[in-house]
Amino acid sequence: MILFYAAQRSRVVEFMEQSVAEQLPSRALIHCRSLSVLEQRLGRPRHDIEVILVSIGDAIEMRLLNTMRHLLLDLRLVIVLPSRDPDIVAWAHKLVPRFIAYADTGYEQVGAVLEKMMGPDTSKIIPRSSFIKIDR
């Protein structure tokens, strides 16, 4: 499962949702529209969370997310930042993400990065029992 935090809808958020749906169709995408909902979800058992995808809107939201750092450190994290502002980037690095993208450019790679991090999508793999054996 991919846990996806994005407080605001945007073209970047819509693109990432579409990208995940196309590249990882068998993976569930669970939305959290507020930091409090994200914090509640991270407080429950997390064995089914494969990756957390976070789309940050501004510096304040980034700082608030850092207050939950203790809940994020042992999870694979992908962050999409609103800009390359040095303060926001510094706060993001404190969360030790596996990948950082930016809303102004580069967010197109997020789907491919998630696919690589999560391994092959088993819905695209033909089960071995489906192969026909031909003896020669």
Protein backbone atom coordinates (compact mmCIF):
# COMPACT_ATOMS: atom_id res chain seq x y z
CA MET A 1 0.00 0.00 0.00
CA ILE A 2 1.08 3.56 -0.73
CA LEU A 3 0.10 6.12 1.88
CA PHE A 4 -0.31 9.45 0.04
CA TYR A 5 -0.42 12.75 1.90
CA ALA A 6 -1.52 15.84 -0.04
CA ALA A 7 -3.55 18.51 1.73
CA GLN A 8 -4.38 20.39 -1.47
CA ARG A 9 -5.46 19.19 -4.90
CA SER A 10 -3.19 20.37 -7.71
CA ARG A 11 -2.10 19.30 -11.16
CA VAL A 12 0.97 17.70 -9.56
CA VAL A 13 -1.15 15.67 -7.13
CA GLU A 14 -3.50 14.57 -9.93
CA PHE A 15 -0.53 13.58 -12.10
CA MET A 16 0.99 11.50 -9.28
CA GLU A 17 -2.33 9.74 -8.62
CA GLN A 18 -2.65 8.92 -12.31
CA SER A 19 0.97 7.78 -12.52
CA VAL A 20 0.59 5.41 -9.56
CA ALA A 21 -2.66 4.03 -10.99
CA GLU A 22 -0.97 3.34 -14.35
CA GLN A 23 2.39 2.04 -13.16
CA LEU A 24 1.27 0.20 -10.01
CA PRO A 25 -2.38 -0.76 -10.59
CA SER A 26 -2.48 -3.51 -7.97
CA ARG A 27 -1.17 -1.26 -5.18
CA ALA A 28 -3.70 0.51 -2.98
CA LEU A 29 -3.32 4.28 -2.75
CA ILE A 30 -4.62 5.54 0.59
CA HIS A 31 -5.14 9.32 0.79
CA CYS A 32 -4.57 11.48 3.85
CA ARG A 33 -5.82 15.03 3.36
CA SER A 34 -4.54 16.43 6.65
CA LEU A 35 -1.46 15.97 8.79
CA SER A 36 -3.60 14.89 11.73
CA VAL A 37 -5.10 12.05 9.64
CA LEU A 38 -1.60 11.05 8.51
CA GLU A 39 -0.39 11.06 12.10
CA GLN A 40 -3.34 8.90 13.22
CA ARG A 41 -2.67 6.40 10.42
CA LEU A 42 1.02 6.21 11.28
CA GLY A 43 0.10 5.57 14.91
CA ARG A 44 -1.63 2.32 13.96
CA PRO A 45 0.15 -0.87 12.83
CA ARG A 46 2.17 -0.05 9.71
CA HIS A 47 3.13 -3.45 8.34
CA ASP A 48 1.06 -2.87 5.17
CA ILE A 49 2.60 0.54 4.31
CA GLU A 50 5.16 0.03 1.57
CA VAL A 51 5.90 3.68 0.81
CA ILE A 52 4.72 7.08 2.01
CA LEU A 53 4.31 9.65 -0.75
CA VAL A 54 4.10 13.24 0.50
CA SER A 55 3.24 16.35 -1.49
CA ILE A 56 4.19 19.47 0.48
CA GLY A 57 2.43 22.78 -0.15
CA ASP A 58 4.63 25.25 1.74
CA ALA A 59 7.32 25.74 4.38
CA ILE A 60 4.85 25.70 7.28
CA GLU A 61 3.48 22.33 6.21
CA MET A 62 7.06 21.02 5.89
CA ARG A 63 7.88 22.09 9.46
CA LEU A 64 4.67 20.53 10.78
CA LEU A 65 5.51 17.27 9.02
CA ASN A 66 8.88 17.32 10.77
CA THR A 67 7.10 17.16 14.13
CA MET A 68 6.10 13.62 13.09
CA ARG A 69 9.65 12.65 12.15
CA HIS A 70 9.73 9.88 14.77
CA LEU A 71 6.81 8.18 12.96
CA LEU A 72 8.48 8.39 9.54
CA LEU A 73 12.08 7.40 10.12
CA ASP A 74 11.70 3.65 9.60
CA LEU A 75 9.49 3.98 6.51
CA ARG A 76 10.36 4.55 2.85
CA LEU A 77 9.49 8.16 2.09
CA VAL A 78 9.15 10.06 -1.19
CA ILE A 79 8.63 13.81 -0.96
CA VAL A 80 7.47 16.30 -3.58
CA LEU A 81 8.43 19.83 -2.56
CA PRO A 82 6.76 23.02 -3.85
CA SER A 83 10.10 24.65 -4.78
CA ARG A 84 13.84 24.46 -4.34
CA ASP A 85 13.79 26.90 -1.43
CA PRO A 86 16.88 26.05 0.68
CA ASP A 87 14.93 26.11 3.97
CA ILE A 88 12.26 23.70 2.70
CA VAL A 89 14.88 21.40 1.19
CA ALA A 90 16.84 21.38 4.48
CA TRP A 91 13.70 20.49 6.46
CA ALA A 92 12.90 17.73 3.94
CA HIS A 93 16.35 16.17 4.32
CA LYS A 94 15.80 15.89 8.08
CA LEU A 95 13.10 13.30 7.29
CA VAL A 96 15.66 11.14 5.43
CA PRO A 97 13.57 10.55 2.30
CA ARG A 98 14.52 8.00 -0.34
CA PHE A 99 13.68 10.50 -3.12
CA ILE A 100 12.90 14.21 -3.38
CA ALA A 101 11.13 15.73 -6.38
CA TYR A 102 9.95 19.27 -7.00
CA ALA A 103 6.51 20.44 -8.09
CA ASP A 104 7.99 22.89 -10.60
CA THR A 105 9.98 20.18 -12.39
CA GLY A 106 10.92 16.53 -11.94
CA TYR A 107 7.75 15.21 -10.34
CA GLU A 108 7.14 13.14 -13.47
CA GLN A 109 9.74 10.67 -12.17
CA VAL A 110 7.81 9.83 -9.01
CA GLY A 111 5.80 6.96 -10.56
CA ALA A 112 8.93 5.29 -11.91
CA VAL A 113 10.75 5.75 -8.60
CA LEU A 114 7.86 4.18 -6.69
CA GLU A 115 7.75 1.28 -9.13
CA LYS A 116 11.47 0.69 -8.67
CA MET A 117 11.28 0.97 -4.86
CA MET A 118 8.32 -1.37 -4.52
CA GLY A 119 9.51 -4.02 -6.90
CA PRO A 120 7.54 -5.59 -9.70
CA ASP A 121 3.79 -5.16 -9.80
CA THR A 122 2.55 -8.73 -9.51
CA SER A 123 -0.60 -7.92 -11.48
CA LYS A 124 1.60 -7.61 -14.60
CA ILE A 125 3.38 -10.93 -14.05
CA ILE A 126 1.97 -14.06 -15.66
CA PRO A 127 1.82 -16.88 -13.10
CA ARG A 128 4.22 -19.72 -13.84
CA SER A 129 1.30 -22.17 -13.84
CA SER A 130 -0.11 -20.34 -16.89
CA PHE A 131 2.80 -21.30 -19.10
CA ILE A 132 2.36 -24.19 -21.52
CA LYS A 133 5.16 -26.72 -21.51
CA ILE A 134 6.22 -28.00 -24.90
CA ASP A 135 8.35 -31.15 -24.99
CA ARG A 136 10.67 -31.55 -27.93
